[in-house]
Amino acid sequence: MDPALIETADFGQQDEAAWRAAVLKALKGQPVDALVSTSADGFRFGPLAARRLDPEHLWKADPETPWTIMARVDDPDPVRAAAQVRDDLMNGATGLAIVFEGAPNAFGYGLPANPEALATVLDGVDLSAIRLRIDPHPASRASADWLAALAAGRNGSPGGLDLSLGIDPAAVLAGTGRLSQATMALGATLGPRLAADRTPSPTRSGRVPGWSAMRSALRDTTS
């Protein structure tokens, strides 16, 4: 189809009445209610919702900071994944979502769950310039150590980085049916590991996302 046809075509003014007329014609005598569906909990919804007359702008939690454009990293080949990471960051991505094998959202793919694979995909990446998220997976506890060691080796301290470690035992249990470590043991080992950095520095947005906040999140998860 020639795109120029769309540019020059006149579709006329469309409204709900015109839509209903077209629908009734297509339904061949059935009422428009034939298109209404009912959810499992009894909620009825039709094929067309009325436009809200008093829309309200939904602000971000921090409207002064730009959106983070996350690039998914889930290639089972670390070298190939590293090349994709470099390409994504060069073309506008401002964050990386690391998906290891075994994660509920890996869908048969996933980066090999070992420190060497993580080091390969992050080789040459300025960790202080991006947001880094590890999606929950069975080895989340171990990958926190891998990332902490990698960041400390480059920057001396991971405290100023914008990180999400994916420590979510409930998500892993729901997605895989098993826990790789008891939650009490997780809390006992991860807390001291993160406490090694006592003076996190703010990120570019002015937030302090590091280890203190992560320790609080961990307490909420394991309680």
N, C-alpha and C. Protein backbone atom coordinates (compact mmCIF):
# COMPACT_ATOMS: atom_id res chain seq x y z
N MET A 1 0.85 -1.20 0.00
CA MET A 1 0.00 0.00 0.00
C MET A 1 0.88 1.25 0.00
N ASP A 2 0.51 2.19 -0.82
CA ASP A 2 1.27 3.43 -0.93
C ASP A 2 0.94 4.34 0.25
N PRO A 3 1.94 4.70 1.10
CA PRO A 3 1.67 5.59 2.25
C PRO A 3 1.05 6.92 1.85
N ALA A 4 1.30 7.34 0.64
CA ALA A 4 0.75 8.62 0.19
C ALA A 4 -0.77 8.60 0.17
N LEU A 5 -1.37 7.41 -0.03
CA LEU A 5 -2.82 7.30 -0.04
C LEU A 5 -3.42 7.69 1.31
N ILE A 6 -2.72 7.32 2.39
CA ILE A 6 -3.20 7.66 3.73
C ILE A 6 -3.09 9.16 3.96
N GLU A 7 -2.00 9.74 3.50
CA GLU A 7 -1.78 11.17 3.71
C GLU A 7 -2.84 12.01 3.00
N THR A 8 -3.32 11.54 1.88
CA THR A 8 -4.27 12.33 1.09
C THR A 8 -5.72 11.91 1.29
N ALA A 9 -5.94 10.78 1.97
CA ALA A 9 -7.30 10.27 2.13
C ALA A 9 -8.10 11.14 3.11
N ASP A 10 -9.38 11.22 2.88
CA ASP A 10 -10.28 11.97 3.75
C ASP A 10 -11.21 10.98 4.45
N PHE A 11 -10.96 10.75 5.74
CA PHE A 11 -11.75 9.78 6.49
C PHE A 11 -12.99 10.42 7.11
N GLY A 12 -13.12 11.71 7.02
CA GLY A 12 -14.29 12.37 7.57
C GLY A 12 -14.29 12.41 9.08
N GLN A 13 -15.23 13.16 9.63
CA GLN A 13 -15.35 13.28 11.09
C GLN A 13 -16.01 12.02 11.66
N GLN A 14 -15.37 11.42 12.61
CA GLN A 14 -15.89 10.19 13.22
C GLN A 14 -16.30 10.47 14.67
N ASP A 15 -17.42 9.91 15.08
CA ASP A 15 -17.87 10.04 16.45
C ASP A 15 -18.48 8.71 16.90
N GLU A 16 -19.01 8.68 18.12
CA GLU A 16 -19.54 7.42 18.64
C GLU A 16 -20.76 6.95 17.85
N ALA A 17 -21.57 7.89 17.39
CA ALA A 17 -22.76 7.51 16.62
C ALA A 17 -22.36 6.80 15.33
N ALA A 18 -21.33 7.33 14.66
CA ALA A 18 -20.86 6.68 13.43
C ALA A 18 -20.29 5.31 13.73
N TRP A 19 -19.58 5.22 14.86
CA TRP A 19 -19.01 3.92 15.26
C TRP A 19 -20.12 2.91 15.52
N ARG A 20 -21.16 3.31 16.25
CA ARG A 20 -22.26 2.40 16.56
C ARG A 20 -22.99 1.94 15.30
N ALA A 21 -23.13 2.85 14.35
CA ALA A 21 -23.79 2.48 13.11
C ALA A 21 -22.99 1.41 12.37
N ALA A 22 -21.68 1.58 12.35
CA ALA A 22 -20.82 0.60 11.68
C ALA A 22 -20.85 -0.73 12.41
N VAL A 23 -20.89 -0.67 13.75
CA VAL A 23 -20.92 -1.90 14.54
C VAL A 23 -22.22 -2.65 14.33
N LEU A 24 -23.34 -1.95 14.35
CA LEU A 24 -24.64 -2.59 14.15
C LEU A 24 -24.72 -3.25 12.77
N LYS A 25 -24.12 -2.62 11.80
CA LYS A 25 -24.10 -3.20 10.47
C LYS A 25 -23.30 -4.49 10.45
N ALA A 26 -22.15 -4.47 11.16
CA ALA A 26 -21.30 -5.66 11.20
C ALA A 26 -21.93 -6.78 12.02
N LEU A 27 -22.70 -6.42 13.04
CA LEU A 27 -23.32 -7.43 13.91
C LEU A 27 -24.55 -8.08 13.27
N LYS A 28 -25.06 -7.48 12.21
CA LYS A 28 -26.17 -8.07 11.45
C LYS A 28 -27.38 -8.37 12.33
N GLY A 29 -27.83 -7.32 13.03
CA GLY A 29 -29.05 -7.45 13.81
C GLY A 29 -28.84 -7.69 15.29
N GLN A 30 -27.65 -8.08 15.70
CA GLN A 30 -27.38 -8.26 17.13
C GLN A 30 -27.17 -6.90 17.79
N PRO A 31 -27.52 -6.77 19.08
CA PRO A 31 -27.30 -5.49 19.77
C PRO A 31 -25.83 -5.27 20.07
N VAL A 32 -25.47 -4.03 20.31
CA VAL A 32 -24.09 -3.70 20.65
C VAL A 32 -23.67 -4.41 21.94
N ASP A 33 -24.63 -4.68 22.83
CA ASP A 33 -24.32 -5.37 24.08
C ASP A 33 -23.75 -6.77 23.85
N ALA A 34 -23.90 -7.27 22.63
CA ALA A 34 -23.31 -8.58 22.33
C ALA A 34 -21.80 -8.55 22.42
N LEU A 35 -21.23 -7.36 22.37
CA LEU A 35 -19.78 -7.20 22.46
C LEU A 35 -19.29 -6.96 23.89
N VAL A 36 -20.22 -6.90 24.83
CA VAL A 36 -19.85 -6.69 26.23
C VAL A 36 -19.36 -8.00 26.83
N SER A 37 -18.25 -7.95 27.55
CA SER A 37 -17.68 -9.12 28.21
C SER A 37 -17.76 -8.94 29.72
N THR A 38 -17.72 -10.05 30.42
CA THR A 38 -17.75 -10.03 31.88
C THR A 38 -16.53 -10.78 32.41
N SER A 39 -15.76 -10.12 33.28
CA SER A 39 -14.57 -10.75 33.85
C SER A 39 -14.97 -11.79 34.89
N ALA A 40 -13.99 -12.55 35.35
CA ALA A 40 -14.24 -13.60 36.33
C ALA A 40 -14.81 -13.05 37.63
N ASP A 41 -14.47 -11.80 37.96
CA ASP A 41 -14.96 -11.22 39.20
C ASP A 41 -16.21 -10.35 38.99
N GLY A 42 -16.85 -10.49 37.82
CA GLY A 42 -18.13 -9.83 37.60
C GLY A 42 -18.07 -8.45 37.00
N PHE A 43 -16.91 -7.98 36.62
CA PHE A 43 -16.78 -6.64 36.04
C PHE A 43 -17.15 -6.68 34.56
N ARG A 44 -18.09 -5.82 34.16
CA ARG A 44 -18.52 -5.76 32.77
C ARG A 44 -17.76 -4.66 32.02
N PHE A 45 -17.27 -4.99 30.86
CA PHE A 45 -16.59 -3.97 30.05
C PHE A 45 -16.94 -4.18 28.58
N GLY A 46 -17.15 -3.06 27.93
CA GLY A 46 -17.56 -3.09 26.54
C GLY A 46 -16.41 -2.86 25.59
N PRO A 47 -16.70 -2.80 24.30
CA PRO A 47 -15.64 -2.64 23.30
C PRO A 47 -15.14 -1.21 23.16
N LEU A 48 -15.90 -0.26 23.71
CA LEU A 48 -15.50 1.13 23.56
C LEU A 48 -15.81 1.88 24.85
N ALA A 49 -14.80 2.50 25.42
CA ALA A 49 -14.99 3.26 26.66
C ALA A 49 -15.13 4.74 26.33
N ALA A 50 -15.98 5.40 27.08
CA ALA A 50 -16.16 6.84 26.87
C ALA A 50 -14.92 7.60 27.31
N ARG A 51 -14.64 8.66 26.58
CA ARG A 51 -13.49 9.50 26.93
C ARG A 51 -13.78 10.26 28.22
N ARG A 52 -12.80 10.30 29.09
CA ARG A 52 -12.96 11.05 30.33
C ARG A 52 -12.94 12.55 30.02
N LEU A 53 -13.89 13.26 30.59
CA LEU A 53 -14.01 14.69 30.31
C LEU A 53 -13.12 15.55 31.19
N ASP A 54 -12.64 14.97 32.33
CA ASP A 54 -11.79 15.75 33.24
C ASP A 54 -10.50 14.96 33.51
N PRO A 55 -9.69 14.75 32.47
CA PRO A 55 -8.46 13.97 32.66
C PRO A 55 -7.51 14.64 33.64
N GLU A 56 -6.82 13.81 34.40
CA GLU A 56 -5.86 14.31 35.38
C GLU A 56 -4.48 13.77 35.03
N HIS A 57 -3.52 14.67 34.97
CA HIS A 57 -2.16 14.26 34.64
C HIS A 57 -1.58 13.43 35.78
N LEU A 58 -1.02 12.28 35.44
CA LEU A 58 -0.40 11.42 36.45
C LEU A 58 1.09 11.70 36.47
N TRP A 59 1.56 12.31 37.54
CA TRP A 59 2.97 12.67 37.65
C TRP A 59 3.81 11.48 38.07
N LYS A 60 5.04 11.48 37.63
CA LYS A 60 6.00 10.51 38.15
C LYS A 60 6.31 10.84 39.61
N ALA A 61 6.90 9.88 40.31
CA ALA A 61 7.29 10.11 41.69
C ALA A 61 8.25 11.28 41.78
N ASP A 62 9.14 11.41 40.79
CA ASP A 62 10.08 12.52 40.74
C ASP A 62 9.99 13.14 39.35
N PRO A 63 9.09 14.10 39.15
CA PRO A 63 8.87 14.64 37.80
C PRO A 63 10.06 15.39 37.23
N GLU A 64 11.05 15.72 38.05
CA GLU A 64 12.20 16.47 37.55
C GLU A 64 13.22 15.57 36.86
N THR A 65 13.13 14.27 37.05
CA THR A 65 14.10 13.36 36.43
C THR A 65 13.50 12.76 35.16
N PRO A 66 14.35 12.48 34.17
CA PRO A 66 13.83 11.89 32.92
C PRO A 66 13.46 10.43 33.12
N TRP A 67 12.68 9.91 32.19
CA TRP A 67 12.35 8.49 32.20
C TRP A 67 13.61 7.66 31.97
N THR A 68 13.65 6.49 32.55
CA THR A 68 14.75 5.56 32.30
C THR A 68 14.33 4.59 31.20
N ILE A 69 15.14 4.50 30.17
CA ILE A 69 14.88 3.59 29.06
C ILE A 69 15.68 2.31 29.32
N MET A 70 14.99 1.26 29.73
CA MET A 70 15.64 0.02 30.12
C MET A 70 15.79 -0.92 28.93
N ALA A 71 16.99 -1.46 28.76
CA ALA A 71 17.26 -2.45 27.72
C ALA A 71 17.38 -3.82 28.38
N ARG A 72 16.64 -4.78 27.88
CA ARG A 72 16.66 -6.13 28.44
C ARG A 72 17.91 -6.87 27.98
N VAL A 73 18.56 -7.53 28.93
CA VAL A 73 19.77 -8.30 28.63
C VAL A 73 19.49 -9.76 29.01
N ASP A 74 19.20 -10.61 28.01
CA ASP A 74 18.82 -11.99 28.32
C ASP A 74 19.41 -13.01 27.35
N ASP A 75 20.38 -12.58 26.55
CA ASP A 75 20.99 -13.51 25.58
C ASP A 75 21.84 -14.54 26.31
N PRO A 76 21.64 -15.83 26.05
CA PRO A 76 22.44 -16.86 26.72
C PRO A 76 23.93 -16.80 26.40
N ASP A 77 24.29 -16.10 25.33
CA ASP A 77 25.70 -15.94 24.94
C ASP A 77 26.21 -14.61 25.50
N PRO A 78 27.07 -14.63 26.53
CA PRO A 78 27.52 -13.38 27.15
C PRO A 78 28.21 -12.42 26.18
N VAL A 79 29.00 -12.96 25.26
CA VAL A 79 29.72 -12.09 24.32
C VAL A 79 28.72 -11.39 23.40
N ARG A 80 27.76 -12.14 22.91
CA ARG A 80 26.73 -11.54 22.06
C ARG A 80 25.88 -10.56 22.85
N ALA A 81 25.60 -10.89 24.11
CA ALA A 81 24.82 -9.99 24.96
C ALA A 81 25.58 -8.69 25.20
N ALA A 82 26.91 -8.79 25.37
CA ALA A 82 27.72 -7.60 25.59
C ALA A 82 27.67 -6.67 24.38
N ALA A 83 27.71 -7.24 23.18
CA ALA A 83 27.63 -6.43 21.97
C ALA A 83 26.28 -5.73 21.88
N GLN A 84 25.22 -6.43 22.28
CA GLN A 84 23.89 -5.83 22.26
C GLN A 84 23.79 -4.71 23.29
N VAL A 85 24.40 -4.91 24.45
CA VAL A 85 24.40 -3.88 25.49
C VAL A 85 25.05 -2.60 24.98
N ARG A 86 26.21 -2.74 24.35
CA ARG A 86 26.90 -1.56 23.83
C ARG A 86 26.05 -0.84 22.78
N ASP A 87 25.40 -1.63 21.92
CA ASP A 87 24.56 -1.03 20.88
C ASP A 87 23.36 -0.33 21.50
N ASP A 88 22.74 -0.94 22.50
CA ASP A 88 21.58 -0.33 23.15
C ASP A 88 21.95 0.98 23.83
N LEU A 89 23.06 0.99 24.55
CA LEU A 89 23.47 2.20 25.26
C LEU A 89 23.87 3.31 24.30
N MET A 90 24.43 2.95 23.17
CA MET A 90 24.80 3.95 22.17
C MET A 90 23.58 4.53 21.47
N ASN A 91 22.45 3.83 21.53
CA ASN A 91 21.27 4.26 20.80
C ASN A 91 20.12 4.68 21.71
N GLY A 92 20.46 5.13 22.91
CA GLY A 92 19.45 5.78 23.73
C GLY A 92 19.07 5.12 25.03
N ALA A 93 19.43 3.86 25.24
CA ALA A 93 19.08 3.21 26.50
C ALA A 93 19.83 3.86 27.65
N THR A 94 19.16 4.03 28.79
CA THR A 94 19.80 4.62 29.96
C THR A 94 19.80 3.67 31.15
N GLY A 95 19.40 2.43 30.92
CA GLY A 95 19.41 1.44 31.98
C GLY A 95 19.44 0.04 31.40
N LEU A 96 19.87 -0.92 32.21
CA LEU A 96 19.95 -2.31 31.78
C LEU A 96 19.17 -3.18 32.75
N ALA A 97 18.38 -4.10 32.21
CA ALA A 97 17.66 -5.08 33.01
C ALA A 97 18.29 -6.44 32.74
N ILE A 98 19.04 -6.94 33.71
CA ILE A 98 19.74 -8.21 33.56
C ILE A 98 18.79 -9.35 33.89
N VAL A 99 18.57 -10.25 32.94
CA VAL A 99 17.71 -11.40 33.14
C VAL A 99 18.58 -12.65 33.09
N PHE A 100 18.80 -13.27 34.24
CA PHE A 100 19.61 -14.49 34.30
C PHE A 100 18.76 -15.72 33.99
N GLU A 101 19.42 -16.77 33.60
CA GLU A 101 18.72 -18.03 33.35
C GLU A 101 18.02 -18.49 34.63
N GLY A 102 16.86 -19.07 34.46
CA GLY A 102 16.09 -19.53 35.61
C GLY A 102 15.14 -18.50 36.16
N ALA A 103 15.24 -17.24 35.69
CA ALA A 103 14.31 -16.20 36.16
C ALA A 103 12.91 -16.51 35.65
N PRO A 104 11.88 -16.18 36.43
CA PRO A 104 10.51 -16.44 35.96
C PRO A 104 10.19 -15.79 34.63
N ASN A 105 10.86 -14.68 34.30
CA ASN A 105 10.59 -13.98 33.04
C ASN A 105 11.69 -14.21 32.00
N ALA A 106 12.49 -15.27 32.17
CA ALA A 106 13.53 -15.56 31.19
C ALA A 106 12.95 -16.25 29.95
N PHE A 107 11.88 -17.00 30.13
CA PHE A 107 11.17 -17.63 29.02
C PHE A 107 12.09 -18.49 28.15
N GLY A 108 12.94 -19.28 28.81
CA GLY A 108 13.82 -20.18 28.07
C GLY A 108 15.14 -19.56 27.67
N TYR A 109 15.31 -18.28 27.93
CA TYR A 109 16.57 -17.61 27.60
C TYR A 109 17.27 -17.26 28.92
N GLY A 110 18.02 -16.21 28.92
CA GLY A 110 18.66 -15.76 30.14
C GLY A 110 20.17 -15.87 30.11
N LEU A 111 20.80 -14.85 30.66
CA LEU A 111 22.26 -14.82 30.78
C LEU A 111 22.70 -15.93 31.74
N PRO A 112 23.78 -16.64 31.45
CA PRO A 112 24.27 -17.65 32.40
C PRO A 112 24.47 -17.05 33.78
N ALA A 113 23.98 -17.74 34.79
CA ALA A 113 24.02 -17.22 36.16
C ALA A 113 25.38 -17.48 36.79
N ASN A 114 26.35 -16.67 36.43
CA ASN A 114 27.67 -16.75 37.03
C ASN A 114 28.34 -15.39 36.93
N PRO A 115 29.33 -15.12 37.79
CA PRO A 115 29.96 -13.79 37.81
C PRO A 115 30.71 -13.46 36.53
N GLU A 116 31.22 -14.47 35.84
CA GLU A 116 31.96 -14.20 34.61
C GLU A 116 31.04 -13.64 33.53
N ALA A 117 29.84 -14.18 33.43
CA ALA A 117 28.89 -13.68 32.44
C ALA A 117 28.50 -12.24 32.74
N LEU A 118 28.27 -11.94 34.02
CA LEU A 118 27.91 -10.57 34.40
C LEU A 118 29.05 -9.61 34.08
N ALA A 119 30.28 -10.01 34.39
CA ALA A 119 31.43 -9.15 34.10
C ALA A 119 31.58 -8.92 32.61
N THR A 120 31.28 -9.93 31.81
CA THR A 120 31.41 -9.81 30.35
C THR A 120 30.43 -8.79 29.79
N VAL A 121 29.16 -8.87 30.20
CA VAL A 121 28.16 -7.96 29.62
C VAL A 121 28.35 -6.53 30.10
N LEU A 122 28.96 -6.36 31.28
CA LEU A 122 29.15 -5.00 31.81
C LEU A 122 30.55 -4.47 31.54
N ASP A 123 31.34 -5.19 30.78
CA ASP A 123 32.69 -4.75 30.47
C ASP A 123 32.64 -3.45 29.67
N GLY A 124 33.32 -2.43 30.17
CA GLY A 124 33.35 -1.14 29.49
C GLY A 124 32.15 -0.25 29.74
N VAL A 125 31.17 -0.73 30.52
CA VAL A 125 29.97 0.06 30.81
C VAL A 125 30.21 0.93 32.04
N ASP A 126 29.92 2.22 31.91
CA ASP A 126 30.04 3.14 33.04
C ASP A 126 28.83 2.93 33.96
N LEU A 127 29.02 2.18 35.03
CA LEU A 127 27.91 1.84 35.91
C LEU A 127 27.32 3.06 36.61
N SER A 128 28.11 4.11 36.76
CA SER A 128 27.61 5.32 37.43
C SER A 128 26.71 6.15 36.53
N ALA A 129 26.66 5.81 35.24
CA ALA A 129 25.90 6.61 34.29
C ALA A 129 24.56 5.98 33.93
N ILE A 130 24.27 4.78 34.45
CA ILE A 130 23.04 4.09 34.07
C ILE A 130 22.34 3.55 35.32
N ARG A 131 21.09 3.13 35.12
CA ARG A 131 20.38 2.36 36.14
C ARG A 131 20.56 0.89 35.80
N LEU A 132 20.84 0.08 36.82
CA LEU A 132 21.08 -1.34 36.61
C LEU A 132 20.11 -2.14 37.47
N ARG A 133 19.34 -3.01 36.82
CA ARG A 133 18.36 -3.83 37.53
C ARG A 133 18.62 -5.30 37.23
N ILE A 134 18.67 -6.11 38.29
CA ILE A 134 18.72 -7.55 38.13
C ILE A 134 17.32 -8.08 38.42
N ASP A 135 16.71 -8.72 37.42
CA ASP A 135 15.38 -9.26 37.63
C ASP A 135 15.46 -10.46 38.58
N PRO A 136 14.44 -10.67 39.42
CA PRO A 136 14.48 -11.78 40.39
C PRO A 136 14.74 -13.13 39.72
N HIS A 137 15.62 -13.91 40.33
CA HIS A 137 15.93 -15.24 39.80
C HIS A 137 16.45 -16.09 40.95
N PRO A 138 16.55 -17.40 40.77
CA PRO A 138 16.91 -18.27 41.90
C PRO A 138 18.25 -17.95 42.55
N ALA A 139 19.18 -17.37 41.80
CA ALA A 139 20.50 -17.05 42.37
C ALA A 139 20.63 -15.56 42.67
N SER A 140 19.52 -14.89 42.99
CA SER A 140 19.57 -13.45 43.24
C SER A 140 20.53 -13.10 44.36
N ARG A 141 20.54 -13.91 45.41
CA ARG A 141 21.44 -13.63 46.54
C ARG A 141 22.89 -13.65 46.10
N ALA A 142 23.27 -14.65 45.31
CA ALA A 142 24.65 -14.74 44.84
C ALA A 142 24.98 -13.61 43.87
N SER A 143 24.02 -13.26 42.99
CA SER A 143 24.30 -12.21 42.01
C SER A 143 24.48 -10.86 42.67
N ALA A 144 23.91 -10.67 43.86
CA ALA A 144 24.16 -9.42 44.59
C ALA A 144 25.64 -9.32 44.95
N ASP A 145 26.24 -10.44 45.35
CA ASP A 145 27.67 -10.45 45.65
C ASP A 145 28.49 -10.20 44.39
N TRP A 146 28.08 -10.83 43.27
CA TRP A 146 28.83 -10.63 42.03
C TRP A 146 28.84 -9.17 41.63
N LEU A 147 27.68 -8.53 41.71
CA LEU A 147 27.58 -7.13 41.31
C LEU A 147 28.33 -6.23 42.28
N ALA A 148 28.22 -6.52 43.58
CA ALA A 148 28.93 -5.71 44.57
C ALA A 148 30.43 -5.79 44.36
N ALA A 149 30.93 -6.99 44.10
CA ALA A 149 32.37 -7.15 43.87
C ALA A 149 32.81 -6.45 42.60
N LEU A 150 31.98 -6.55 41.55
CA LEU A 150 32.32 -5.90 40.29
C LEU A 150 32.34 -4.39 40.44
N ALA A 151 31.33 -3.84 41.11
CA ALA A 151 31.25 -2.39 41.29
C ALA A 151 32.37 -1.89 42.19
N ALA A 152 32.66 -2.63 43.27
CA ALA A 152 33.73 -2.22 44.18
C ALA A 152 35.08 -2.24 43.49
N GLY A 153 35.28 -3.19 42.60
CA GLY A 153 36.54 -3.27 41.89
C GLY A 153 36.77 -2.10 40.95
N ARG A 154 35.68 -1.51 40.48
CA ARG A 154 35.81 -0.39 39.55
C ARG A 154 35.79 0.96 40.26
N ASN A 155 34.88 1.12 41.21
CA ASN A 155 34.63 2.43 41.81
C ASN A 155 35.07 2.55 43.26
N GLY A 156 35.48 1.44 43.86
CA GLY A 156 35.86 1.46 45.26
C GLY A 156 34.67 1.27 46.18
N SER A 157 33.46 1.64 45.73
CA SER A 157 32.25 1.47 46.53
C SER A 157 31.06 1.46 45.60
N PRO A 158 30.11 0.56 45.81
CA PRO A 158 28.91 0.54 44.97
C PRO A 158 27.82 1.48 45.46
N GLY A 159 28.08 2.23 46.53
CA GLY A 159 27.03 2.99 47.18
C GLY A 159 26.39 4.07 46.33
N GLY A 160 27.11 4.66 45.38
CA GLY A 160 26.55 5.73 44.58
C GLY A 160 25.85 5.28 43.32
N LEU A 161 25.75 3.97 43.13
CA LEU A 161 25.15 3.46 41.90
C LEU A 161 23.64 3.34 42.05
N ASP A 162 22.95 3.41 40.92
CA ASP A 162 21.49 3.28 40.88
C ASP A 162 21.17 1.82 40.59
N LEU A 163 20.90 1.06 41.63
CA LEU A 163 20.80 -0.40 41.51
C LEU A 163 19.48 -0.93 42.02
N SER A 164 19.05 -2.05 41.43
CA SER A 164 17.98 -2.87 41.97
C SER A 164 18.45 -4.31 41.87
N LEU A 165 18.56 -4.98 43.02
CA LEU A 165 19.22 -6.28 43.05
C LEU A 165 18.29 -7.46 42.79
N GLY A 166 17.00 -7.23 42.69
CA GLY A 166 16.10 -8.33 42.39
C GLY A 166 15.97 -9.34 43.51
N ILE A 167 16.14 -8.89 44.76
CA ILE A 167 15.99 -9.80 45.90
C ILE A 167 14.50 -9.92 46.21
N ASP A 168 13.86 -10.90 45.62
CA ASP A 168 12.41 -11.06 45.77
C ASP A 168 12.08 -12.55 45.87
N PRO A 169 12.27 -13.14 47.06
CA PRO A 169 12.01 -14.58 47.21
C PRO A 169 10.58 -14.97 46.84
N ALA A 170 9.61 -14.08 47.12
CA ALA A 170 8.22 -14.41 46.81
C ALA A 170 8.01 -14.57 45.30
N ALA A 171 8.63 -13.68 44.50
CA ALA A 171 8.49 -13.76 43.05
C ALA A 171 9.14 -15.03 42.52
N VAL A 172 10.31 -15.37 43.05
CA VAL A 172 10.99 -16.58 42.60
C VAL A 172 10.16 -17.82 42.97
N LEU A 173 9.63 -17.84 44.18
CA LEU A 173 8.81 -18.97 44.61
C LEU A 173 7.56 -19.10 43.74
N ALA A 174 6.91 -17.96 43.44
CA ALA A 174 5.71 -18.00 42.62
C ALA A 174 6.01 -18.43 41.19
N GLY A 175 7.17 -18.02 40.68
CA GLY A 175 7.50 -18.31 39.29
C GLY A 175 8.14 -19.65 39.06
N THR A 176 8.84 -20.18 40.05
CA THR A 176 9.58 -21.44 39.86
C THR A 176 9.10 -22.55 40.78
N GLY A 177 8.36 -22.21 41.84
CA GLY A 177 7.89 -23.23 42.77
C GLY A 177 8.91 -23.65 43.79
N ARG A 178 10.00 -22.90 43.90
CA ARG A 178 11.02 -23.29 44.87
C ARG A 178 11.79 -22.06 45.36
N LEU A 179 12.40 -22.21 46.50
CA LEU A 179 13.28 -21.19 47.05
C LEU A 179 14.70 -21.73 47.07
N SER A 180 15.65 -20.92 46.59
CA SER A 180 17.04 -21.36 46.60
C SER A 180 17.68 -21.17 47.96
N GLN A 181 17.06 -20.35 48.82
CA GLN A 181 17.59 -20.09 50.15
C GLN A 181 16.46 -19.64 51.05
N ALA A 182 16.44 -20.12 52.27
CA ALA A 182 15.41 -19.73 53.22
C ALA A 182 15.47 -18.23 53.45
N THR A 183 14.31 -17.60 53.61
CA THR A 183 14.28 -16.15 53.75
C THR A 183 15.03 -15.68 55.00
N MET A 184 14.98 -16.45 56.07
CA MET A 184 15.70 -16.05 57.27
C MET A 184 17.21 -16.06 57.02
N ALA A 185 17.68 -17.09 56.30
CA ALA A 185 19.11 -17.16 55.98
C ALA A 185 19.50 -16.04 55.03
N LEU A 186 18.59 -15.72 54.10
CA LEU A 186 18.85 -14.63 53.17
C LEU A 186 19.04 -13.31 53.91
N GLY A 187 18.14 -13.03 54.85
CA GLY A 187 18.26 -11.80 55.62
C GLY A 187 19.51 -11.75 56.46
N ALA A 188 19.91 -12.91 57.01
CA ALA A 188 21.07 -12.95 57.88
C ALA A 188 22.37 -12.73 57.12
N THR A 189 22.43 -13.18 55.85
CA THR A 189 23.68 -13.07 55.10
C THR A 189 23.77 -11.81 54.27
N LEU A 190 22.64 -11.37 53.69
CA LEU A 190 22.70 -10.22 52.79
C LEU A 190 22.86 -8.91 53.56
N GLY A 191 22.20 -8.80 54.70
CA GLY A 191 22.29 -7.56 55.46
C GLY A 191 23.72 -7.15 55.77
N PRO A 192 24.52 -8.04 56.40
CA PRO A 192 25.92 -7.68 56.67
C PRO A 192 26.72 -7.39 55.41
N ARG A 193 26.40 -8.11 54.31
CA ARG A 193 27.14 -7.88 53.07
C ARG A 193 26.89 -6.47 52.55
N LEU A 194 25.65 -6.03 52.61
CA LEU A 194 25.33 -4.70 52.13
C LEU A 194 25.78 -3.62 53.10
N ALA A 195 25.85 -3.96 54.37
CA ALA A 195 26.25 -2.99 55.39
C ALA A 195 27.70 -2.59 55.24
N ALA A 196 28.47 -3.30 54.42
CA ALA A 196 29.88 -2.97 54.23
C ALA A 196 30.04 -1.56 53.69
N ASP A 197 29.04 -1.09 52.95
CA ASP A 197 29.07 0.28 52.44
C ASP A 197 28.16 1.13 53.32
N ARG A 198 28.72 1.92 54.19
CA ARG A 198 27.92 2.70 55.14
C ARG A 198 27.68 4.13 54.70
N THR A 199 28.31 4.56 53.63
CA THR A 199 28.18 5.97 53.23
C THR A 199 27.83 6.06 51.74
N PRO A 200 26.63 5.61 51.35
CA PRO A 200 26.25 5.73 49.95
C PRO A 200 26.13 7.19 49.54
N SER A 201 26.47 7.46 48.30
CA SER A 201 26.38 8.82 47.80
C SER A 201 25.19 8.94 46.86
N PRO A 202 24.64 10.15 46.70
CA PRO A 202 23.43 10.31 45.88
C PRO A 202 23.71 10.02 44.41
N THR A 203 22.67 9.65 43.69
CA THR A 203 22.76 9.48 42.26
C THR A 203 22.55 10.81 41.59
N ARG A 204 22.53 10.79 40.25
CA ARG A 204 22.33 12.03 39.50
C ARG A 204 20.99 12.67 39.83
N SER A 205 19.99 11.87 40.20
CA SER A 205 18.68 12.42 40.50
C SER A 205 18.59 12.97 41.92
N GLY A 206 19.68 12.80 42.72
CA GLY A 206 19.67 13.28 44.08
C GLY A 206 19.20 12.23 45.07
N ARG A 207 18.75 11.07 44.58
CA ARG A 207 18.30 10.01 45.48
C ARG A 207 19.49 9.20 45.97
N VAL A 208 19.29 8.53 47.07
CA VAL A 208 20.29 7.60 47.58
C VAL A 208 19.69 6.20 47.48
N PRO A 209 19.91 5.50 46.36
CA PRO A 209 19.19 4.26 46.11
C PRO A 209 19.87 3.05 46.69
N GLY A 210 21.04 3.25 47.28
CA GLY A 210 21.93 2.12 47.52
C GLY A 210 21.53 1.20 48.64
N TRP A 211 22.51 0.85 49.40
CA TRP A 211 22.41 -0.32 50.25
C TRP A 211 21.50 -0.11 51.46
N SER A 212 21.42 1.09 52.01
CA SER A 212 20.54 1.31 53.15
C SER A 212 19.09 1.06 52.76
N ALA A 213 18.68 1.62 51.61
CA ALA A 213 17.31 1.39 51.14
C ALA A 213 17.09 -0.08 50.84
N MET A 214 18.12 -0.74 50.30
CA MET A 214 17.97 -2.14 49.97
C MET A 214 17.82 -2.99 51.23
N ARG A 215 18.50 -2.61 52.29
CA ARG A 215 18.36 -3.36 53.54
C ARG A 215 16.94 -3.23 54.08
N SER A 216 16.34 -2.03 53.95
CA SER A 216 14.97 -1.85 54.40
C SER A 216 14.02 -2.70 53.57
N ALA A 217 14.25 -2.72 52.25
CA ALA A 217 13.40 -3.53 51.38
C ALA A 217 13.52 -5.00 51.73
N LEU A 218 14.72 -5.40 52.06
CA LEU A 218 14.94 -6.81 52.41
C LEU A 218 14.20 -7.16 53.69
N ARG A 219 14.20 -6.26 54.68
CA ARG A 219 13.47 -6.54 55.91
C ARG A 219 11.99 -6.70 55.64
N ASP A 220 11.46 -5.86 54.71
CA ASP A 220 10.05 -5.97 54.37
C ASP A 220 9.75 -7.30 53.67
N THR A 221 10.70 -7.75 52.83
CA THR A 221 10.49 -8.97 52.07
C THR A 221 10.55 -10.21 52.94
N THR A 222 11.45 -10.21 53.92
CA THR A 222 11.68 -11.42 54.70
C THR A 222 10.89 -11.47 55.99
N SER A 223 10.15 -10.40 56.31
CA SER A 223 9.38 -10.39 57.55
C SER A 223 8.06 -11.12 57.37
